[in-house]
Amino acid sequence: MATMADVARHAGVSVATVSHVLNGTRPVLPHTRQAVLDAVDSLGYTPNTLARSLVTSRTRSIGLAVSAISNPYFTEILQGVEAAALEAGYSLLIADPHDDPRHERKVVQLLHERRVDGMIVAPSADPTDLVGYLRRHAVPTVFLDRLVDTRVTEDVPAGDGASAVPRPNAPCFDQVCADSAAPTALLVTHLAGLGHRRIALVAGLPGLSTTSERVSGYREGLAEAGLAHDDRLLVSGNSESDGAERATAALLGLPDPPTALVTANNAMTIGALRALRRHGRSVPDDIALCCFDDFAWADLFSPRLTAIAQPSRELGAQAVRVLLDRLAEPGRPARTVRLPCTFVHRTSCGCPEEPGPAEGAGHTASSTLSEKGTAT
């Protein structure tokens, strides 16, 4: 197996120069750098990652804690994280916290003990222990998909030797998520525009920022459409299929059941459809349906599902970019990045199939939502 000394002899440079080229620890002249890279390629040299980490205090690895197994939505996010990390020369260590606060804290500690350079975490509904651990150990972290209130009062240097000035409510961690409120409001106003006056929401797990934002969007949509809020039409499916099935069945059992339904994630859409079928309700003839989260087979249902599509892969890739920025500049202010969603207009809402541009076949109409939730 070729060594770094072999590469140095082949390229006619010092071992230190080879190290600087491979580790990026010092600028090297372009022709020298190319000579080293040519020698690496010719000799088939493979860097010793462990030795490199001892020199640089970096392992070029990222810890990813998302419930990818229990939530298919995170599978696409994982693909985005993996692609962006690989492009930047980082490897991934992946753990599934199962949306369990106690397990979440444990898996994050295990990732940290493996000396990852930073972490990307989709936090649970109660991330108190998680946040405490990350703060105590100053782990560079990006919270993904779900926002966490990590604001504290920081002392900001005043300059010229003056005392530091407290800055209240300064966020401690970077965060990356999609917009949730405005897209949910759009689903509600779309259904109201079709004549529906009793529109229900099957909401997600209490405590998640995505749940609270989509509930807020639901209320905003009702207000915008001039509809009164009925507490009985807002039910929790706990972000899971079985919970949504039970919640939808309860809605159908009301004396004045809803004529339209919004489900707040893909798993709950499946549960709602199961309940509607079990109760003999047809979509959209008996009840209209719109869902938050598009997924691969949404276009294969009959009718085809009108949905809000989140930029799943881009969310994952953006989280990697934000984390790398943090690693490059540890002292920079924390930031929250929100990405727009897309309204995918199909037929489960009760709208007729739109003719395609070529053969008159049905097609999917999509529009990107701005921060204000209008189609652009």
Protein backbone atom coordinates (compact mmCIF):
# COMPACT_ATOMS: atom_id res chain seq x y z
CA MET A 1 0.00 0.00 0.00
CA ALA A 2 1.40 3.39 -1.01
CA THR A 3 2.32 5.82 1.76
CA MET A 4 2.39 9.61 1.92
CA ALA A 5 6.20 9.40 1.66
CA ASP A 6 5.83 7.44 -1.60
CA VAL A 7 3.55 10.16 -2.96
CA ALA A 8 6.07 12.84 -1.95
CA ARG A 9 8.96 11.05 -3.71
CA HIS A 10 6.88 10.47 -6.84
CA ALA A 11 5.79 14.13 -6.99
CA GLY A 12 9.24 15.50 -6.04
CA VAL A 13 7.93 17.41 -3.03
CA SER A 14 8.08 17.13 0.74
CA VAL A 15 5.75 15.03 2.86
CA ALA A 16 4.50 18.27 4.43
CA THR A 17 3.47 19.58 1.01
CA VAL A 18 1.54 16.39 0.31
CA SER A 19 -0.21 16.80 3.66
CA HIS A 20 -1.14 20.41 2.89
CA VAL A 21 -2.62 19.40 -0.48
CA LEU A 22 -4.66 16.51 0.92
CA ASN A 23 -5.83 18.28 4.06
CA GLY A 24 -6.23 21.78 2.68
CA THR A 25 -4.23 23.19 5.59
CA ARG A 26 -2.13 25.64 3.54
CA PRO A 27 -2.24 27.12 0.01
CA VAL A 28 -0.05 25.27 -2.51
CA LEU A 29 1.02 26.44 -5.97
CA PRO A 30 -1.32 25.05 -8.67
CA HIS A 31 1.38 23.09 -10.52
CA THR A 32 2.65 21.58 -7.26
CA ARG A 33 -0.86 20.68 -6.19
CA GLN A 34 -1.49 18.98 -9.53
CA ALA A 35 1.77 17.04 -9.28
CA VAL A 36 0.70 15.71 -5.88
CA LEU A 37 -2.77 14.76 -7.14
CA ASP A 38 -1.24 13.02 -10.16
CA ALA A 39 1.06 11.05 -7.85
CA VAL A 40 -1.87 10.08 -5.63
CA ASP A 41 -3.76 8.83 -8.68
CA SER A 42 -0.76 7.01 -10.17
CA LEU A 43 0.15 5.21 -6.95
CA GLY A 44 -3.42 4.54 -5.86
CA TYR A 45 -2.74 6.22 -2.54
CA THR A 46 -5.62 6.17 -0.02
CA PRO A 47 -5.38 8.71 2.82
CA ASN A 48 -5.48 7.37 6.35
CA THR A 49 -8.66 9.01 7.61
CA LEU A 50 -7.89 8.25 11.25
CA ALA A 51 -4.41 9.76 11.04
CA ARG A 52 -5.80 12.80 9.24
CA SER A 53 -8.40 13.35 11.95
CA LEU A 54 -5.66 13.31 14.61
CA VAL A 55 -3.81 16.07 12.76
CA THR A 56 -6.78 18.26 11.79
CA SER A 57 -9.16 17.46 14.70
CA ARG A 58 -11.75 16.80 12.01
CA THR A 59 -13.18 13.46 10.92
CA ARG A 60 -14.98 14.86 7.84
CA SER A 61 -18.10 13.08 9.01
CA ILE A 62 -21.61 14.33 9.79
CA GLY A 63 -24.05 12.77 12.23
CA LEU A 64 -27.64 12.58 10.95
CA ALA A 65 -30.47 11.84 13.38
CA VAL A 66 -33.81 11.57 11.56
CA SER A 67 -36.69 9.12 11.80
CA ALA A 68 -36.10 7.86 8.28
CA ILE A 69 -37.45 4.38 8.95
CA SER A 70 -40.66 5.36 10.71
CA ASN A 71 -41.34 8.40 8.48
CA PRO A 72 -40.91 7.94 4.69
CA TYR A 73 -40.81 11.73 4.24
CA PHE A 74 -37.38 11.77 5.85
CA THR A 75 -36.10 9.17 3.39
CA GLU A 76 -36.01 11.78 0.63
CA ILE A 77 -34.42 14.29 2.99
CA LEU A 78 -31.76 11.69 3.78
CA GLN A 79 -31.00 11.37 0.06
CA GLY A 80 -30.46 15.11 -0.16
CA VAL A 81 -28.18 15.10 2.88
CA GLU A 82 -26.17 12.18 1.54
CA ALA A 83 -25.65 13.71 -1.91
CA ALA A 84 -24.56 17.10 -0.54
CA ALA A 85 -22.28 15.55 2.08
CA LEU A 86 -20.61 13.29 -0.49
CA GLU A 87 -20.07 16.22 -2.84
CA ALA A 88 -18.32 18.10 -0.02
CA GLY A 89 -16.18 15.08 0.87
CA TYR A 90 -18.02 14.13 4.06
CA SER A 91 -19.30 10.76 5.18
CA LEU A 92 -22.54 10.18 7.11
CA LEU A 93 -23.27 8.39 10.35
CA ILE A 94 -27.02 7.85 10.55
CA ALA A 95 -29.22 7.11 13.56
CA ASP A 96 -33.00 6.85 13.88
CA PRO A 97 -34.35 8.53 17.05
CA HIS A 98 -37.89 7.19 16.36
CA ASP A 99 -39.36 10.55 17.43
CA ASP A 100 -38.76 9.46 21.04
CA PRO A 101 -37.16 12.18 23.24
CA ARG A 102 -35.28 9.68 25.42
CA HIS A 103 -33.97 7.67 22.48
CA GLU A 104 -33.17 10.90 20.64
CA ARG A 105 -30.83 12.05 23.40
CA LYS A 106 -29.11 8.66 23.45
CA VAL A 107 -28.45 8.38 19.70
CA VAL A 108 -27.18 11.96 19.47
CA GLN A 109 -24.70 11.26 22.27
CA LEU A 110 -23.53 8.11 20.48
CA LEU A 111 -22.97 10.08 17.28
CA HIS A 112 -21.08 12.74 19.21
CA GLU A 113 -18.87 10.11 20.85
CA ARG A 114 -17.86 8.98 17.38
CA ARG A 115 -16.37 12.44 16.87
CA VAL A 116 -18.54 13.65 14.02
CA ASP A 117 -17.68 17.21 13.01
CA GLY A 118 -21.29 18.33 13.31
CA MET A 119 -24.87 17.08 13.37
CA ILE A 120 -28.12 17.44 11.51
CA VAL A 121 -31.12 16.55 13.67
CA ALA A 122 -34.87 16.41 13.11
CA PRO A 123 -35.91 17.02 16.73
CA SER A 124 -38.75 15.33 18.58
CA ALA A 125 -41.75 17.07 20.12
CA ASP A 126 -39.84 17.46 23.42
CA PRO A 127 -36.17 18.13 22.62
CA THR A 128 -35.28 19.64 26.01
CA ASP A 129 -32.63 17.02 26.89
CA LEU A 130 -31.30 17.07 23.34
CA VAL A 131 -30.83 20.84 23.28
CA GLY A 132 -29.23 20.77 26.72
CA TYR A 133 -26.69 18.16 25.62
CA LEU A 134 -25.81 19.99 22.40
CA ARG A 135 -25.38 23.28 24.27
CA ARG A 136 -23.19 21.78 27.01
CA HIS A 137 -20.87 20.16 24.50
CA ALA A 138 -21.00 23.00 21.94
CA VAL A 139 -21.81 20.57 19.12
CA PRO A 140 -22.22 22.33 15.74
CA THR A 141 -25.81 21.41 14.90
CA VAL A 142 -28.49 22.18 12.35
CA PHE A 143 -32.09 21.42 13.28
CA LEU A 144 -33.94 20.12 10.25
CA ASP A 145 -37.62 20.29 9.29
CA ARG A 146 -38.85 21.09 12.81
CA LEU A 147 -37.94 24.34 14.49
CA VAL A 148 -36.83 24.50 18.12
CA ASP A 149 -36.96 27.58 20.32
CA THR A 150 -33.33 27.77 21.48
CA ARG A 151 -33.15 31.52 22.08
CA VAL A 152 -30.99 32.83 24.90
CA THR A 153 -29.57 36.16 25.99
CA GLU A 154 -26.07 36.60 24.58
CA ASP A 155 -23.38 39.15 25.42
CA VAL A 156 -22.36 40.98 22.25
CA PRO A 157 -19.00 42.85 22.35
CA ALA A 158 -19.53 46.62 22.24
CA GLY A 159 -16.04 47.45 20.93
CA ASP A 160 -13.44 49.96 22.13
CA GLY A 161 -13.08 48.09 25.38
CA ALA A 162 -16.64 48.83 26.47
CA SER A 163 -18.69 46.27 28.36
CA ALA A 164 -20.55 43.67 26.35
CA VAL A 165 -24.15 44.47 25.53
CA PRO A 166 -26.77 41.75 26.19
CA ARG A 167 -28.68 40.67 23.09
CA PRO A 168 -31.94 38.96 24.14
CA ASN A 169 -33.58 36.14 22.22
CA ALA A 170 -30.50 35.24 20.19
CA PRO A 171 -30.93 31.79 18.57
CA CYS A 172 -28.29 29.20 19.48
CA PHE A 173 -28.61 26.82 16.55
CA ASP A 174 -29.01 27.00 12.80
CA GLN A 175 -32.29 25.62 11.47
CA VAL A 176 -33.61 24.59 8.05
CA CYS A 177 -37.27 23.93 7.30
CA ALA A 178 -40.03 24.40 4.75
CA ASP A 179 -42.85 26.88 5.10
CA SER A 180 -45.91 25.26 6.67
CA ALA A 181 -48.50 27.87 7.60
CA ALA A 182 -49.08 29.61 4.27
CA PRO A 183 -49.34 26.39 2.21
CA THR A 184 -51.89 24.95 4.68
CA ALA A 185 -53.91 28.17 4.47
CA LEU A 186 -53.86 27.85 0.69
CA LEU A 187 -55.36 24.34 0.85
CA VAL A 188 -58.17 25.66 3.05
CA THR A 189 -58.94 28.67 0.85
CA HIS A 190 -58.84 26.45 -2.22
CA LEU A 191 -61.45 24.15 -0.73
CA ALA A 192 -63.53 27.12 0.44
CA GLY A 193 -63.40 28.48 -3.09
CA LEU A 194 -64.98 25.25 -4.27
CA GLY A 195 -67.95 25.91 -1.97
CA HIS A 196 -66.99 23.95 1.15
CA ARG A 197 -67.99 25.48 4.48
CA ARG A 198 -67.11 22.66 6.86
CA ILE A 199 -63.41 21.97 6.33
CA ALA A 200 -61.60 19.74 8.82
CA LEU A 201 -57.91 19.34 9.62
CA VAL A 202 -56.24 16.14 10.78
CA ALA A 203 -53.24 17.69 12.55
CA GLY A 204 -49.91 16.14 13.52
CA LEU A 205 -48.19 15.32 16.79
CA PRO A 206 -48.63 18.06 19.40
CA GLY A 207 -45.40 19.81 20.29
CA LEU A 208 -43.87 19.76 16.80
CA SER A 209 -43.38 23.13 15.15
CA THR A 210 -44.73 21.69 11.90
CA THR A 211 -47.95 20.79 13.70
CA SER A 212 -48.42 24.20 15.31
CA GLU A 213 -47.63 26.02 12.07
CA ARG A 214 -50.06 23.94 10.02
CA VAL A 215 -52.77 24.44 12.62
CA SER A 216 -52.09 28.18 12.45
CA GLY A 217 -52.30 28.02 8.66
CA TYR A 218 -55.59 26.15 8.89
CA ARG A 219 -57.04 28.86 11.13
CA GLU A 220 -55.69 31.60 8.87
CA GLY A 221 -57.25 29.94 5.84
CA LEU A 222 -60.64 29.75 7.53
CA ALA A 223 -60.44 33.41 8.52
CA GLU A 224 -59.41 34.46 5.03
CA ALA A 225 -62.36 32.55 3.58
CA GLY A 226 -64.74 34.10 6.11
CA LEU A 227 -65.50 30.76 7.77
CA ALA A 228 -66.02 30.27 11.49
CA HIS A 229 -63.68 27.94 13.36
CA ASP A 230 -65.33 24.84 14.80
CA ASP A 231 -63.19 23.08 17.42
CA ARG A 232 -64.77 19.75 16.53
CA LEU A 233 -63.26 19.94 13.02
CA LEU A 234 -59.69 20.21 14.31
CA VAL A 235 -58.49 16.75 15.36
CA SER A 236 -55.10 15.18 16.01
CA GLY A 237 -53.79 12.20 14.08
CA ASN A 238 -50.47 12.27 16.00
CA SER A 239 -48.55 12.28 12.69
CA GLU A 240 -49.24 8.59 12.11
CA SER A 241 -51.53 6.51 9.94
CA ASP A 242 -53.46 4.74 12.71
CA GLY A 243 -54.03 7.96 14.61
CA ALA A 244 -55.35 9.67 11.48
CA GLU A 245 -57.67 6.75 10.77
CA ARG A 246 -59.23 7.09 14.22
CA ALA A 247 -59.42 10.87 13.96
CA THR A 248 -61.09 10.74 10.55
CA ALA A 249 -63.61 8.19 11.78
CA ALA A 250 -64.49 10.55 14.63
CA LEU A 251 -65.03 13.39 12.16
CA LEU A 252 -67.34 11.24 10.06
CA GLY A 253 -69.35 10.43 13.18
CA LEU A 254 -70.21 14.06 13.89
CA PRO A 255 -73.87 15.11 13.53
CA ASP A 256 -72.72 17.59 10.87
CA PRO A 257 -69.57 16.00 9.41
CA PRO A 258 -67.08 17.90 7.26
CA THR A 259 -67.46 18.04 3.49
CA ALA A 260 -63.72 18.58 3.00
CA LEU A 261 -60.63 17.29 4.77
CA VAL A 262 -57.00 18.45 4.99
CA THR A 263 -54.41 15.98 6.27
CA ALA A 264 -51.19 17.38 7.68
CA ASN A 265 -48.66 14.76 6.51
CA ASN A 266 -48.33 11.80 4.17
CA ALA A 267 -48.75 9.05 6.78
CA MET A 268 -51.99 10.62 8.01
CA THR A 269 -53.28 10.85 4.44
CA ILE A 270 -53.06 7.07 4.21
CA GLY A 271 -54.92 6.67 7.50
CA ALA A 272 -57.63 9.11 6.45
CA LEU A 273 -58.16 7.32 3.15
CA ARG A 274 -58.45 4.02 5.00
CA ALA A 275 -61.14 5.46 7.29
CA LEU A 276 -63.06 6.98 4.38
CA ARG A 277 -63.08 3.67 2.55
CA ARG A 278 -64.17 1.78 5.66
CA HIS A 279 -67.09 4.18 6.10
CA GLY A 280 -68.08 3.99 2.44
CA ARG A 281 -67.18 7.61 1.61
CA SER A 282 -66.01 8.45 -1.89
CA VAL A 283 -63.38 11.10 -2.65
CA PRO A 284 -64.22 13.71 -3.86
CA ASP A 285 -67.94 12.95 -4.40
CA ASP A 286 -68.75 12.54 -0.70
CA ILE A 287 -65.82 14.43 0.78
CA ALA A 288 -62.99 16.46 -0.78
CA LEU A 289 -59.43 15.74 0.30
CA CYS A 290 -56.21 17.77 0.21
CA CYS A 291 -52.98 16.74 1.88
CA PHE A 292 -49.72 18.24 3.13
CA ASP A 293 -46.79 16.25 1.68
CA ASP A 294 -46.72 14.90 -1.80
CA PHE A 295 -45.31 11.41 -2.27
CA ALA A 296 -44.31 9.11 -5.10
CA TRP A 297 -47.64 7.32 -5.44
CA ALA A 298 -49.95 10.31 -4.85
CA ASP A 299 -50.45 10.57 -8.60
CA LEU A 300 -51.55 6.92 -8.79
CA PHE A 301 -54.59 7.19 -6.49
CA SER A 302 -58.02 7.55 -7.99
CA PRO A 303 -58.75 10.38 -7.68
CA ARG A 304 -55.27 11.81 -7.83
CA LEU A 305 -54.28 13.63 -4.65
CA THR A 306 -54.11 17.41 -4.50
CA ALA A 307 -51.13 18.11 -2.26
CA ILE A 308 -48.51 20.46 -0.91
CA ALA A 309 -45.10 19.18 -1.98
CA GLN A 310 -42.16 19.99 0.27
CA PRO A 311 -38.68 20.37 -1.28
CA SER A 312 -37.46 17.31 0.63
CA ARG A 313 -34.12 16.69 -1.04
CA GLU A 314 -33.26 20.38 -1.16
CA LEU A 315 -34.03 20.63 2.57
CA GLY A 316 -31.45 17.91 3.22
CA ALA A 317 -28.87 19.50 0.92
CA GLN A 318 -29.45 22.95 2.41
CA ALA A 319 -28.96 21.58 5.92
CA VAL A 320 -25.54 20.26 4.89
CA ARG A 321 -24.56 23.60 3.37
CA VAL A 322 -25.64 25.49 6.50
CA LEU A 323 -23.68 23.06 8.70
CA LEU A 324 -20.55 23.43 6.57
CA ASP A 325 -20.86 27.21 6.86
CA ARG A 326 -21.04 26.78 10.63
CA LEU A 327 -17.94 24.57 10.68
CA ALA A 328 -16.04 27.09 8.56
CA GLU A 329 -17.12 30.05 10.71
CA PRO A 330 -18.10 28.87 14.22
CA GLY A 331 -18.77 32.37 15.52
CA ARG A 332 -21.30 33.44 12.92
CA PRO A 333 -24.85 34.30 14.12
CA ALA A 334 -27.29 31.41 13.98
CA ARG A 335 -29.79 31.55 11.13
CA THR A 336 -33.06 29.94 10.12
CA VAL A 337 -33.55 29.06 6.45
CA ARG A 338 -37.07 28.48 5.14
CA LEU A 339 -37.70 26.96 1.71
CA PRO A 340 -40.94 27.40 -0.28
CA CYS A 341 -43.36 24.55 -0.97
CA THR A 342 -45.25 23.72 -4.16
CA PHE A 343 -49.02 23.40 -4.59
CA VAL A 344 -49.68 20.32 -6.73
CA HIS A 345 -53.20 20.61 -8.14
CA ARG A 346 -54.86 17.29 -8.96
CA THR A 347 -58.44 16.03 -8.55
CA SER A 348 -59.08 14.79 -4.98
CA CYS A 349 -60.17 18.33 -4.09
CA GLY A 350 -63.08 18.00 -6.50
CA CYS A 351 -61.63 19.93 -9.42
CA PRO A 352 -61.97 18.34 -12.86
CA GLU A 353 -59.00 16.76 -14.57
CA GLU A 354 -57.10 19.41 -16.52
CA PRO A 355 -56.24 18.56 -20.13
CA GLY A 356 -52.56 18.16 -20.89
CA PRO A 357 -50.88 20.35 -23.51
CA ALA A 358 -50.33 17.55 -25.99
CA GLU A 359 -52.85 14.74 -26.05
CA GLY A 360 -55.57 16.12 -23.79
CA ALA A 361 -54.54 13.68 -21.06
CA GLY A 362 -54.67 14.66 -17.40
CA HIS A 363 -51.57 16.26 -15.94
CA THR A 364 -50.33 17.68 -12.68
CA ALA A 365 -50.47 21.46 -12.32
CA SER A 366 -47.87 22.82 -9.93
CA SER A 367 -47.11 26.26 -8.58
CA THR A 368 -44.47 27.40 -6.13
CA LEU A 369 -45.68 29.19 -3.03
CA SER A 370 -44.05 32.41 -1.94
CA GLU A 371 -43.61 33.33 1.71
CA LYS A 372 -47.09 34.88 1.66
CA GLY A 373 -48.58 31.68 0.34
CA THR A 374 -49.67 33.00 -3.05
CA ALA A 375 -49.10 30.97 -6.17
CA THR A 376 -46.30 32.32 -8.34
